[in-house]
């Protein structure tokens, strides 16, 4: 389970945090956010680089236990670095209270980062494990002649908006995120 969480966390970072190296000058600074409210934690997750803090008012937003008013962390930030083929060091990272961002939402492509992608990906998709389990159970039931499916079951809306596919016309890879292909047809 921890390995799966680490893989999804890495994927989320790749999707959410595309560095300025991707030519994002046409993109607005990201503003999307959502509150992670599970396991007795209330934590603000921002699409931009500062996490666990409200960037507009610089207030901590990582509350443990949830509802206590106690924030165990004030803020966090992504730092990523590496060497270019000619051994030049490149670093993308933010400092607390600094202006601007090194990270923009959306997939990188050979054409850079497109403003349209920045707008489309400036949000946090919040899914719950139970939603996935119920979804799989529903389809398992549909394929089992001894099972009566719940007639009130509805696929969660977030499943329809989750960014599975990129736009190849913009130079993005077609499949951005992994998904369970229940019927094996290659379509989400």
N, C-alpha and C. Protein backbone atom coordinates (compact mmCIF):
# COMPACT_ATOMS: atom_id res chain seq x y z
N UNK A 1 0.82 -1.20 0.00
CA UNK A 1 0.00 0.00 0.00
C UNK A 1 0.87 1.26 0.00
N UNK A 2 1.96 1.25 0.84
CA UNK A 2 2.83 2.42 0.88
C UNK A 2 3.48 2.66 -0.48
N UNK A 3 3.88 1.58 -1.15
CA UNK A 3 4.49 1.72 -2.47
C UNK A 3 3.50 2.34 -3.44
N UNK A 4 2.25 1.92 -3.39
CA UNK A 4 1.23 2.48 -4.27
C UNK A 4 1.05 3.96 -3.99
N UNK A 5 0.99 4.34 -2.71
CA UNK A 5 0.84 5.74 -2.34
C UNK A 5 2.02 6.55 -2.86
N UNK A 6 3.23 5.99 -2.74
CA UNK A 6 4.42 6.70 -3.21
C UNK A 6 4.37 6.89 -4.73
N UNK A 7 3.92 5.85 -5.46
CA UNK A 7 3.82 5.98 -6.91
C UNK A 7 2.80 7.06 -7.29
N UNK A 8 1.64 7.06 -6.62
CA UNK A 8 0.63 8.06 -6.94
C UNK A 8 1.07 9.45 -6.52
N UNK A 9 1.80 9.55 -5.39
CA UNK A 9 2.31 10.85 -4.96
C UNK A 9 3.28 11.39 -6.00
N UNK A 10 4.17 10.52 -6.50
CA UNK A 10 5.12 10.94 -7.52
C UNK A 10 4.40 11.37 -8.79
N UNK A 11 3.39 10.59 -9.20
CA UNK A 11 2.61 10.93 -10.38
C UNK A 11 1.90 12.26 -10.19
N UNK A 12 1.34 12.46 -9.01
CA UNK A 12 0.66 13.72 -8.73
C UNK A 12 1.63 14.89 -8.83
N UNK A 13 2.83 14.71 -8.29
CA UNK A 13 3.84 15.76 -8.40
C UNK A 13 4.18 16.06 -9.85
N UNK A 14 4.33 15.03 -10.65
CA UNK A 14 4.66 15.24 -12.06
C UNK A 14 3.56 15.98 -12.79
N UNK A 15 2.33 15.61 -12.51
CA UNK A 15 1.20 16.24 -13.19
C UNK A 15 1.02 17.67 -12.70
N UNK A 16 1.09 17.85 -11.38
CA UNK A 16 0.82 19.16 -10.81
C UNK A 16 1.98 20.14 -10.97
N UNK A 17 3.19 19.65 -10.88
CA UNK A 17 4.33 20.53 -10.72
C UNK A 17 5.25 20.50 -11.92
N UNK A 18 4.89 21.17 -12.95
CA UNK A 18 5.74 21.27 -14.13
C UNK A 18 6.55 22.55 -14.01
N UNK A 19 7.85 22.42 -14.10
CA UNK A 19 8.73 23.55 -13.86
C UNK A 19 8.72 24.56 -15.00
N UNK A 20 9.25 25.75 -14.71
CA UNK A 20 9.34 26.80 -15.71
C UNK A 20 10.18 26.38 -16.90
N UNK A 21 11.01 25.34 -16.72
CA UNK A 21 11.80 24.86 -17.85
C UNK A 21 10.87 24.49 -18.98
N UNK A 22 9.62 24.20 -18.67
CA UNK A 22 8.65 23.78 -19.67
C UNK A 22 8.06 24.95 -20.43
N UNK A 23 8.63 26.14 -20.31
CA UNK A 23 8.18 27.28 -21.09
C UNK A 23 6.74 27.65 -20.76
N UNK A 24 6.51 28.06 -19.51
CA UNK A 24 5.16 28.32 -19.02
C UNK A 24 4.84 29.80 -18.93
N UNK A 25 5.51 30.63 -19.72
CA UNK A 25 5.28 32.06 -19.58
C UNK A 25 3.86 32.49 -19.92
N UNK A 26 3.10 31.68 -20.66
CA UNK A 26 1.73 32.02 -20.99
C UNK A 26 0.75 31.61 -19.89
N UNK A 27 1.22 30.91 -18.88
CA UNK A 27 0.34 30.40 -17.83
C UNK A 27 0.22 31.39 -16.68
N UNK A 28 -1.00 31.48 -16.16
CA UNK A 28 -1.23 32.27 -14.96
C UNK A 28 -0.70 31.48 -13.76
N UNK A 29 -0.37 32.18 -12.69
CA UNK A 29 0.07 31.48 -11.48
C UNK A 29 -1.09 30.62 -10.97
N UNK A 30 -0.83 29.36 -10.60
CA UNK A 30 -1.90 28.46 -10.19
C UNK A 30 -2.58 28.91 -8.90
N UNK A 31 -3.90 28.69 -8.84
CA UNK A 31 -4.68 29.09 -7.66
C UNK A 31 -5.54 27.96 -7.11
N UNK A 32 -5.61 26.82 -7.81
CA UNK A 32 -6.47 25.72 -7.37
C UNK A 32 -6.03 25.13 -6.05
N UNK A 33 -7.00 24.66 -5.27
CA UNK A 33 -6.69 24.02 -4.00
C UNK A 33 -7.87 23.15 -3.56
N UNK A 34 -7.61 22.30 -2.60
CA UNK A 34 -8.65 21.48 -1.97
C UNK A 34 -8.16 21.10 -0.58
N UNK A 35 -9.09 20.78 0.29
CA UNK A 35 -8.74 20.36 1.63
C UNK A 35 -8.74 18.84 1.70
N UNK A 36 -7.62 18.29 2.11
CA UNK A 36 -7.51 16.86 2.36
C UNK A 36 -8.05 16.64 3.77
N UNK A 37 -9.16 15.95 3.87
CA UNK A 37 -9.81 15.80 5.18
C UNK A 37 -10.08 14.33 5.49
N UNK A 38 -9.00 13.59 5.65
CA UNK A 38 -9.10 12.17 6.00
C UNK A 38 -8.12 11.86 7.13
N UNK A 39 -8.32 10.71 7.78
CA UNK A 39 -7.43 10.24 8.85
C UNK A 39 -7.21 11.29 9.93
N UNK A 40 -8.28 12.00 10.28
CA UNK A 40 -8.25 13.00 11.35
C UNK A 40 -7.28 14.15 11.06
N UNK A 41 -7.12 14.46 9.77
CA UNK A 41 -6.27 15.57 9.33
C UNK A 41 -7.09 16.49 8.43
N UNK A 42 -6.93 17.78 8.59
CA UNK A 42 -7.43 18.77 7.64
C UNK A 42 -6.21 19.50 7.10
N UNK A 43 -5.90 19.30 5.82
CA UNK A 43 -4.70 19.90 5.24
C UNK A 43 -5.04 20.54 3.91
N UNK A 44 -4.62 21.78 3.72
CA UNK A 44 -4.83 22.47 2.46
C UNK A 44 -3.78 22.01 1.46
N UNK A 45 -4.23 21.55 0.31
CA UNK A 45 -3.33 21.15 -0.76
C UNK A 45 -3.51 22.15 -1.90
N UNK A 46 -2.47 22.87 -2.22
CA UNK A 46 -2.50 23.87 -3.30
C UNK A 46 -1.89 23.28 -4.56
N UNK A 47 -2.37 23.73 -5.70
CA UNK A 47 -1.79 23.30 -6.97
C UNK A 47 -0.41 23.93 -7.14
N UNK A 48 -0.24 25.15 -6.68
CA UNK A 48 1.05 25.83 -6.76
C UNK A 48 2.04 25.20 -5.81
N UNK A 49 3.16 25.86 -5.60
CA UNK A 49 4.23 25.20 -4.88
C UNK A 49 4.07 25.20 -3.36
N UNK A 50 3.41 26.17 -2.74
CA UNK A 50 3.28 26.14 -1.28
C UNK A 50 2.12 25.24 -0.88
N UNK A 51 2.39 24.30 0.02
CA UNK A 51 1.33 23.41 0.50
C UNK A 51 1.19 23.56 2.01
N UNK A 52 0.04 23.18 2.52
CA UNK A 52 -0.32 23.20 3.94
C UNK A 52 -0.40 24.61 4.51
N UNK A 53 -0.49 25.61 3.67
CA UNK A 53 -0.62 26.98 4.14
C UNK A 53 -1.44 27.76 3.12
N UNK A 54 -2.22 28.70 3.62
CA UNK A 54 -3.02 29.54 2.73
C UNK A 54 -2.13 30.67 2.23
N UNK A 55 -1.77 30.68 0.94
CA UNK A 55 -0.82 31.67 0.44
C UNK A 55 -1.37 33.10 0.43
N UNK A 56 -2.68 33.25 0.52
CA UNK A 56 -3.25 34.60 0.52
C UNK A 56 -3.11 35.29 1.87
N UNK A 57 -3.17 34.53 2.94
CA UNK A 57 -3.12 35.13 4.28
C UNK A 57 -1.99 34.57 5.14
N UNK A 58 -1.19 33.65 4.58
CA UNK A 58 -0.06 33.04 5.29
C UNK A 58 -0.47 32.46 6.64
N UNK A 59 -1.53 31.66 6.61
CA UNK A 59 -1.97 30.96 7.81
C UNK A 59 -1.75 29.47 7.62
N UNK A 60 -1.31 28.77 8.68
CA UNK A 60 -1.10 27.33 8.57
C UNK A 60 -2.41 26.60 8.34
N UNK A 61 -2.37 25.57 7.51
CA UNK A 61 -3.58 24.80 7.21
C UNK A 61 -3.27 23.30 7.19
N UNK A 62 -2.52 22.83 8.19
CA UNK A 62 -2.31 21.39 8.37
C UNK A 62 -2.71 21.08 9.81
N UNK A 63 -3.98 20.81 10.00
CA UNK A 63 -4.56 20.67 11.33
C UNK A 63 -4.66 19.20 11.74
N UNK A 64 -4.00 18.88 12.87
CA UNK A 64 -4.03 17.52 13.42
C UNK A 64 -4.16 17.64 14.94
N UNK A 65 -5.14 17.00 15.55
CA UNK A 65 -6.28 16.33 14.94
C UNK A 65 -7.25 17.33 14.32
N UNK A 66 -7.98 16.85 13.34
CA UNK A 66 -8.93 17.71 12.63
C UNK A 66 -9.90 18.35 13.62
N UNK A 67 -10.13 19.64 13.45
CA UNK A 67 -11.05 20.37 14.31
C UNK A 67 -10.43 20.91 15.58
N UNK A 68 -9.15 20.63 15.82
CA UNK A 68 -8.50 21.05 17.06
C UNK A 68 -7.99 22.48 17.01
N UNK A 69 -7.81 23.01 15.81
CA UNK A 69 -7.21 24.34 15.69
C UNK A 69 -5.69 24.31 15.81
N UNK A 70 -5.10 23.14 15.92
CA UNK A 70 -3.65 22.99 16.07
C UNK A 70 -3.05 22.56 14.74
N UNK A 71 -2.10 23.35 14.24
CA UNK A 71 -1.41 23.00 13.00
C UNK A 71 -0.02 22.50 13.34
N UNK A 72 0.27 21.26 12.94
CA UNK A 72 1.57 20.68 13.26
C UNK A 72 2.65 21.12 12.27
N UNK A 73 2.25 21.66 11.12
CA UNK A 73 3.20 22.17 10.13
C UNK A 73 2.69 23.52 9.64
N UNK A 74 3.62 24.42 9.38
CA UNK A 74 3.21 25.74 8.92
C UNK A 74 3.07 25.79 7.41
N UNK A 75 4.03 25.25 6.71
CA UNK A 75 4.00 25.27 5.25
C UNK A 75 5.00 24.26 4.73
N UNK A 76 4.85 23.92 3.49
CA UNK A 76 5.80 23.04 2.82
C UNK A 76 5.96 23.50 1.38
N UNK A 77 6.96 22.98 0.73
CA UNK A 77 7.22 23.40 -0.64
C UNK A 77 7.96 22.28 -1.37
N UNK A 78 7.84 22.27 -2.67
CA UNK A 78 8.54 21.29 -3.50
C UNK A 78 9.88 21.86 -3.93
N UNK A 79 10.90 21.04 -3.86
CA UNK A 79 12.20 21.37 -4.40
C UNK A 79 12.63 20.19 -5.25
N UNK A 80 12.96 20.44 -6.49
CA UNK A 80 13.46 19.39 -7.38
C UNK A 80 14.66 19.92 -8.13
N UNK A 81 15.65 19.08 -8.26
CA UNK A 81 16.85 19.50 -8.97
C UNK A 81 17.46 18.35 -9.75
N UNK A 82 18.36 18.70 -10.61
CA UNK A 82 19.04 17.69 -11.41
C UNK A 82 20.10 18.32 -12.28
N UNK A 83 20.82 17.47 -12.96
CA UNK A 83 21.87 17.92 -13.87
C UNK A 83 21.41 17.76 -15.31
N UNK A 84 21.76 18.73 -16.13
CA UNK A 84 21.49 18.65 -17.56
C UNK A 84 22.52 17.71 -18.19
N UNK A 85 22.34 17.32 -19.45
CA UNK A 85 23.34 16.45 -20.09
C UNK A 85 24.75 17.03 -20.08
N UNK A 86 24.86 18.38 -20.06
CA UNK A 86 26.20 18.98 -20.01
C UNK A 86 26.60 19.35 -18.57
N UNK A 87 25.98 18.67 -17.59
CA UNK A 87 26.33 18.77 -16.17
C UNK A 87 26.04 20.14 -15.54
N UNK A 88 25.08 20.87 -16.06
CA UNK A 88 24.65 22.12 -15.45
C UNK A 88 23.57 21.81 -14.42
N UNK A 89 23.70 22.35 -13.23
CA UNK A 89 22.72 22.13 -12.18
C UNK A 89 21.49 22.99 -12.43
N UNK A 90 20.32 22.39 -12.35
CA UNK A 90 19.05 23.10 -12.47
C UNK A 90 18.23 22.79 -11.23
N UNK A 91 17.58 23.80 -10.68
CA UNK A 91 16.78 23.63 -9.48
C UNK A 91 15.49 24.40 -9.63
N UNK A 92 14.41 23.77 -9.26
CA UNK A 92 13.12 24.45 -9.18
C UNK A 92 12.64 24.29 -7.75
N UNK A 93 12.33 25.39 -7.12
CA UNK A 93 11.87 25.31 -5.74
C UNK A 93 11.46 26.68 -5.27
N UNK A 94 10.59 26.69 -4.33
CA UNK A 94 10.11 27.96 -3.81
C UNK A 94 10.55 28.17 -2.38
N UNK A 95 10.61 29.42 -2.01
CA UNK A 95 10.91 29.80 -0.64
C UNK A 95 9.66 30.40 -0.03
N UNK A 96 9.50 30.24 1.24
CA UNK A 96 8.33 30.77 1.91
C UNK A 96 8.23 32.28 1.69
N UNK A 97 7.07 32.70 1.25
CA UNK A 97 6.82 34.13 1.06
C UNK A 97 7.39 34.72 -0.20
N UNK A 98 8.03 33.90 -1.04
CA UNK A 98 8.60 34.45 -2.27
C UNK A 98 7.51 34.66 -3.31
N UNK A 99 7.74 35.58 -4.19
CA UNK A 99 6.79 35.87 -5.26
C UNK A 99 7.00 34.91 -6.41
N UNK A 100 5.94 34.63 -7.14
CA UNK A 100 6.03 33.79 -8.32
C UNK A 100 6.08 32.32 -7.96
N UNK A 101 6.21 31.51 -9.00
CA UNK A 101 6.27 30.07 -8.80
C UNK A 101 7.16 29.43 -9.86
N UNK A 102 7.78 28.34 -9.49
CA UNK A 102 8.55 27.55 -10.44
C UNK A 102 7.73 26.40 -10.99
N UNK A 103 6.53 26.20 -10.45
CA UNK A 103 5.71 25.05 -10.81
C UNK A 103 4.35 25.48 -11.34
N UNK A 104 3.94 24.84 -12.40
CA UNK A 104 2.65 25.11 -13.02
C UNK A 104 1.91 23.80 -13.26
N UNK A 105 0.59 23.84 -13.23
CA UNK A 105 -0.17 22.60 -13.43
C UNK A 105 -0.22 22.19 -14.90
N UNK A 106 -0.31 20.90 -15.11
CA UNK A 106 -0.47 20.38 -16.46
C UNK A 106 0.73 19.59 -16.93
N UNK A 107 0.52 18.79 -17.95
CA UNK A 107 1.60 17.97 -18.48
C UNK A 107 2.57 18.77 -19.34
N UNK A 108 3.84 18.44 -19.23
CA UNK A 108 4.84 19.04 -20.12
C UNK A 108 4.78 18.35 -21.47
N UNK A 109 5.14 19.08 -22.49
CA UNK A 109 5.20 18.49 -23.82
C UNK A 109 6.43 19.05 -24.53
N UNK A 110 6.68 18.56 -25.72
CA UNK A 110 7.80 19.09 -26.50
C UNK A 110 7.56 20.54 -26.90
N UNK A 111 6.31 20.98 -26.88
CA UNK A 111 5.98 22.37 -27.22
C UNK A 111 6.00 23.27 -25.99
N UNK A 112 6.39 22.74 -24.84
CA UNK A 112 6.34 23.50 -23.60
C UNK A 112 5.02 23.27 -22.90
N UNK A 113 4.69 24.17 -22.03
CA UNK A 113 3.44 24.06 -21.28
C UNK A 113 2.44 25.04 -21.87
N UNK A 114 1.31 24.54 -22.29
CA UNK A 114 0.30 25.35 -22.96
C UNK A 114 -0.62 26.01 -21.93
N UNK A 115 -1.03 27.26 -22.18
CA UNK A 115 -1.93 27.98 -21.27
C UNK A 115 -3.22 27.22 -21.06
N UNK A 116 -3.73 26.58 -22.10
CA UNK A 116 -4.97 25.81 -21.98
C UNK A 116 -4.80 24.67 -20.97
N UNK A 117 -3.67 23.99 -21.02
CA UNK A 117 -3.40 22.90 -20.07
C UNK A 117 -3.29 23.45 -18.65
N UNK A 118 -2.64 24.60 -18.50
CA UNK A 118 -2.52 25.20 -17.17
C UNK A 118 -3.90 25.45 -16.57
N UNK A 119 -4.81 25.98 -17.36
CA UNK A 119 -6.16 26.26 -16.88
C UNK A 119 -6.90 24.97 -16.54
N UNK A 120 -6.81 23.98 -17.41
CA UNK A 120 -7.53 22.71 -17.20
C UNK A 120 -7.02 21.96 -15.97
N UNK A 121 -5.74 22.06 -15.67
CA UNK A 121 -5.15 21.28 -14.58
C UNK A 121 -4.99 22.08 -13.30
N UNK A 122 -5.49 23.30 -13.25
CA UNK A 122 -5.38 24.12 -12.04
C UNK A 122 -6.47 23.74 -11.04
N UNK A 123 -6.43 22.50 -10.61
CA UNK A 123 -7.37 21.99 -9.62
C UNK A 123 -6.78 20.74 -8.97
N UNK A 124 -7.36 20.34 -7.87
CA UNK A 124 -6.96 19.13 -7.17
C UNK A 124 -8.11 18.14 -7.29
N UNK A 125 -7.84 16.96 -7.81
CA UNK A 125 -8.86 15.91 -7.91
C UNK A 125 -8.81 15.09 -6.63
N UNK A 126 -9.89 15.13 -5.88
CA UNK A 126 -9.95 14.45 -4.59
C UNK A 126 -10.79 13.19 -4.74
N UNK A 127 -10.14 12.04 -4.58
CA UNK A 127 -10.81 10.75 -4.68
C UNK A 127 -10.62 10.00 -3.37
N UNK A 128 -11.58 9.17 -3.07
CA UNK A 128 -11.50 8.34 -1.87
C UNK A 128 -11.37 6.88 -2.27
N UNK A 129 -10.63 6.14 -1.49
CA UNK A 129 -10.43 4.71 -1.76
C UNK A 129 -11.76 3.98 -1.83
N UNK A 130 -12.69 4.32 -0.94
CA UNK A 130 -13.98 3.64 -0.91
C UNK A 130 -14.73 3.84 -2.22
N UNK A 131 -14.55 5.00 -2.87
CA UNK A 131 -15.20 5.22 -4.17
C UNK A 131 -14.69 4.22 -5.20
N UNK A 132 -13.39 4.01 -5.20
CA UNK A 132 -12.80 3.04 -6.14
C UNK A 132 -13.26 1.63 -5.83
N UNK A 133 -13.26 1.27 -4.56
CA UNK A 133 -13.68 -0.07 -4.17
C UNK A 133 -15.14 -0.34 -4.54
N UNK A 134 -16.00 0.65 -4.30
CA UNK A 134 -17.42 0.49 -4.64
C UNK A 134 -17.61 0.40 -6.15
N UNK A 135 -16.82 1.15 -6.89
CA UNK A 135 -16.91 1.14 -8.35
C UNK A 135 -16.53 -0.24 -8.91
N UNK A 136 -15.42 -0.78 -8.42
CA UNK A 136 -14.99 -2.11 -8.86
C UNK A 136 -16.02 -3.16 -8.44
N UNK A 137 -16.53 -3.04 -7.21
CA UNK A 137 -17.54 -4.00 -6.73
C UNK A 137 -18.79 -3.95 -7.60
N UNK A 138 -19.18 -2.76 -8.03
CA UNK A 138 -20.36 -2.62 -8.89
C UNK A 138 -20.15 -3.36 -10.21
N UNK A 139 -19.00 -3.17 -10.83
CA UNK A 139 -18.74 -3.84 -12.11
C UNK A 139 -18.53 -5.34 -11.93
N UNK A 140 -17.94 -5.74 -10.80
CA UNK A 140 -17.85 -7.17 -10.51
C UNK A 140 -19.25 -7.78 -10.43
N UNK A 141 -20.14 -7.07 -9.77
CA UNK A 141 -21.51 -7.54 -9.61
C UNK A 141 -22.23 -7.62 -10.96
N UNK A 142 -22.00 -6.64 -11.82
CA UNK A 142 -22.64 -6.66 -13.14
C UNK A 142 -22.24 -7.90 -13.94
N UNK A 143 -21.03 -8.38 -13.71
CA UNK A 143 -20.53 -9.54 -14.45
C UNK A 143 -20.77 -10.87 -13.73
N UNK A 144 -21.46 -10.82 -12.61
CA UNK A 144 -21.74 -12.03 -11.85
C UNK A 144 -23.25 -12.29 -11.89
N UNK A 145 -23.69 -13.36 -12.55
CA UNK A 145 -25.12 -13.61 -12.69
C UNK A 145 -25.83 -13.87 -11.35
N UNK A 146 -25.08 -14.18 -10.30
CA UNK A 146 -25.68 -14.42 -8.99
C UNK A 146 -25.77 -13.16 -8.14
N UNK A 147 -25.32 -12.04 -8.68
CA UNK A 147 -25.30 -10.78 -7.92
C UNK A 147 -26.34 -9.82 -8.47
N UNK A 148 -27.00 -9.11 -7.57
CA UNK A 148 -27.96 -8.08 -7.98
C UNK A 148 -27.30 -6.72 -7.75
N UNK A 149 -27.02 -5.98 -8.82
CA UNK A 149 -26.36 -4.68 -8.65
C UNK A 149 -27.28 -3.67 -7.98
N UNK A 150 -26.67 -2.75 -7.28
CA UNK A 150 -27.41 -1.67 -6.64
C UNK A 150 -27.96 -0.75 -7.73
N UNK A 151 -29.28 -0.64 -7.85
CA UNK A 151 -29.86 0.20 -8.91
C UNK A 151 -29.60 1.69 -8.70
N UNK A 152 -29.20 2.07 -7.49
CA UNK A 152 -28.95 3.48 -7.19
C UNK A 152 -27.48 3.87 -7.34
N UNK A 153 -26.63 2.90 -7.71
CA UNK A 153 -25.20 3.22 -7.83
C UNK A 153 -24.98 4.23 -8.94
N UNK A 154 -24.17 5.24 -8.64
CA UNK A 154 -23.77 6.23 -9.64
C UNK A 154 -22.26 6.37 -9.60
N UNK A 155 -21.66 6.37 -10.76
CA UNK A 155 -20.22 6.59 -10.84
C UNK A 155 -19.91 7.98 -10.30
N UNK A 156 -18.95 8.12 -9.37
CA UNK A 156 -18.61 9.43 -8.84
C UNK A 156 -18.19 10.40 -9.96
N UNK A 157 -18.64 11.62 -9.89
CA UNK A 157 -18.36 12.63 -10.91
C UNK A 157 -16.86 12.81 -11.12
N UNK A 158 -16.07 12.72 -10.05
CA UNK A 158 -14.63 12.93 -10.16
C UNK A 158 -13.99 11.90 -11.09
N UNK A 159 -14.61 10.72 -11.24
CA UNK A 159 -14.08 9.72 -12.15
C UNK A 159 -14.17 10.20 -13.60
N UNK A 160 -15.14 11.02 -13.90
CA UNK A 160 -15.31 11.54 -15.26
C UNK A 160 -14.37 12.70 -15.57
N UNK A 161 -13.94 13.42 -14.55
CA UNK A 161 -13.10 14.60 -14.78
C UNK A 161 -11.62 14.35 -14.48
N UNK A 162 -11.29 13.20 -13.91
CA UNK A 162 -9.90 12.89 -13.58
C UNK A 162 -9.06 12.89 -14.86
N UNK A 163 -7.87 13.51 -14.82
CA UNK A 163 -7.07 13.70 -16.04
C UNK A 163 -6.32 12.45 -16.48
N UNK A 164 -7.00 11.59 -17.19
CA UNK A 164 -6.38 10.35 -17.66
C UNK A 164 -5.64 10.58 -18.98
N UNK A 165 -6.20 11.41 -19.84
CA UNK A 165 -5.64 11.57 -21.18
C UNK A 165 -5.09 12.98 -21.40
N UNK A 166 -3.96 13.03 -22.11
CA UNK A 166 -3.40 14.30 -22.55
C UNK A 166 -3.84 14.59 -23.97
N UNK A 167 -3.43 15.74 -24.48
CA UNK A 167 -3.78 16.16 -25.83
C UNK A 167 -2.56 16.00 -26.74
N UNK A 168 -2.50 14.93 -27.54
CA UNK A 168 -1.35 14.72 -28.42
C UNK A 168 -1.14 15.86 -29.41
N UNK A 169 -2.20 16.60 -29.77
CA UNK A 169 -2.05 17.74 -30.67
C UNK A 169 -1.19 18.84 -30.05
N UNK A 170 -1.13 18.88 -28.71
CA UNK A 170 -0.27 19.84 -28.01
C UNK A 170 1.09 19.23 -27.68
N UNK A 171 1.35 18.02 -28.17
CA UNK A 171 2.62 17.36 -27.89
C UNK A 171 2.63 16.62 -26.56
N UNK A 172 1.47 16.48 -25.91
CA UNK A 172 1.38 15.78 -24.64
C UNK A 172 1.24 14.27 -24.89
N UNK A 173 1.73 13.48 -23.94
CA UNK A 173 1.52 12.04 -24.06
C UNK A 173 0.03 11.75 -23.94
N UNK A 174 -0.42 10.69 -24.58
CA UNK A 174 -1.85 10.39 -24.59
C UNK A 174 -2.34 9.92 -23.22
N UNK A 175 -1.67 8.94 -22.62
CA UNK A 175 -2.13 8.45 -21.32
C UNK A 175 -1.29 9.08 -20.22
N UNK A 176 -1.91 9.95 -19.44
CA UNK A 176 -1.22 10.67 -18.37
C UNK A 176 -1.22 9.92 -17.06
N UNK A 177 -2.31 9.24 -16.76
CA UNK A 177 -2.46 8.62 -15.44
C UNK A 177 -2.89 7.16 -15.58
N UNK A 178 -2.45 6.33 -14.65
CA UNK A 178 -2.88 4.92 -14.70
C UNK A 178 -4.34 4.80 -14.28
N UNK A 179 -5.00 3.77 -14.78
CA UNK A 179 -6.38 3.50 -14.39
C UNK A 179 -6.66 2.02 -14.56
N UNK A 180 -7.68 1.54 -13.87
CA UNK A 180 -8.10 0.15 -14.00
C UNK A 180 -8.95 0.03 -15.25
N UNK A 181 -8.46 -0.72 -16.21
CA UNK A 181 -9.20 -0.94 -17.46
C UNK A 181 -10.02 -2.22 -17.30
N UNK A 182 -11.19 -2.07 -16.68
CA UNK A 182 -11.98 -3.23 -16.28
C UNK A 182 -12.33 -4.15 -17.45
N UNK A 183 -12.72 -3.57 -18.58
CA UNK A 183 -13.13 -4.42 -19.71
C UNK A 183 -12.01 -4.64 -20.72
N UNK A 184 -10.82 -4.09 -20.45
CA UNK A 184 -9.66 -4.34 -21.30
C UNK A 184 -9.72 -3.70 -22.67
N UNK A 185 -10.54 -2.65 -22.83
CA UNK A 185 -10.65 -2.02 -24.15
C UNK A 185 -9.70 -0.83 -24.34
N UNK A 186 -8.90 -0.52 -23.31
CA UNK A 186 -7.94 0.58 -23.42
C UNK A 186 -8.55 1.95 -23.24
N UNK A 187 -9.83 2.02 -22.90
CA UNK A 187 -10.52 3.30 -22.73
C UNK A 187 -10.91 3.47 -21.27
N UNK A 188 -10.70 4.66 -20.74
CA UNK A 188 -11.04 4.95 -19.35
C UNK A 188 -12.54 5.05 -19.18
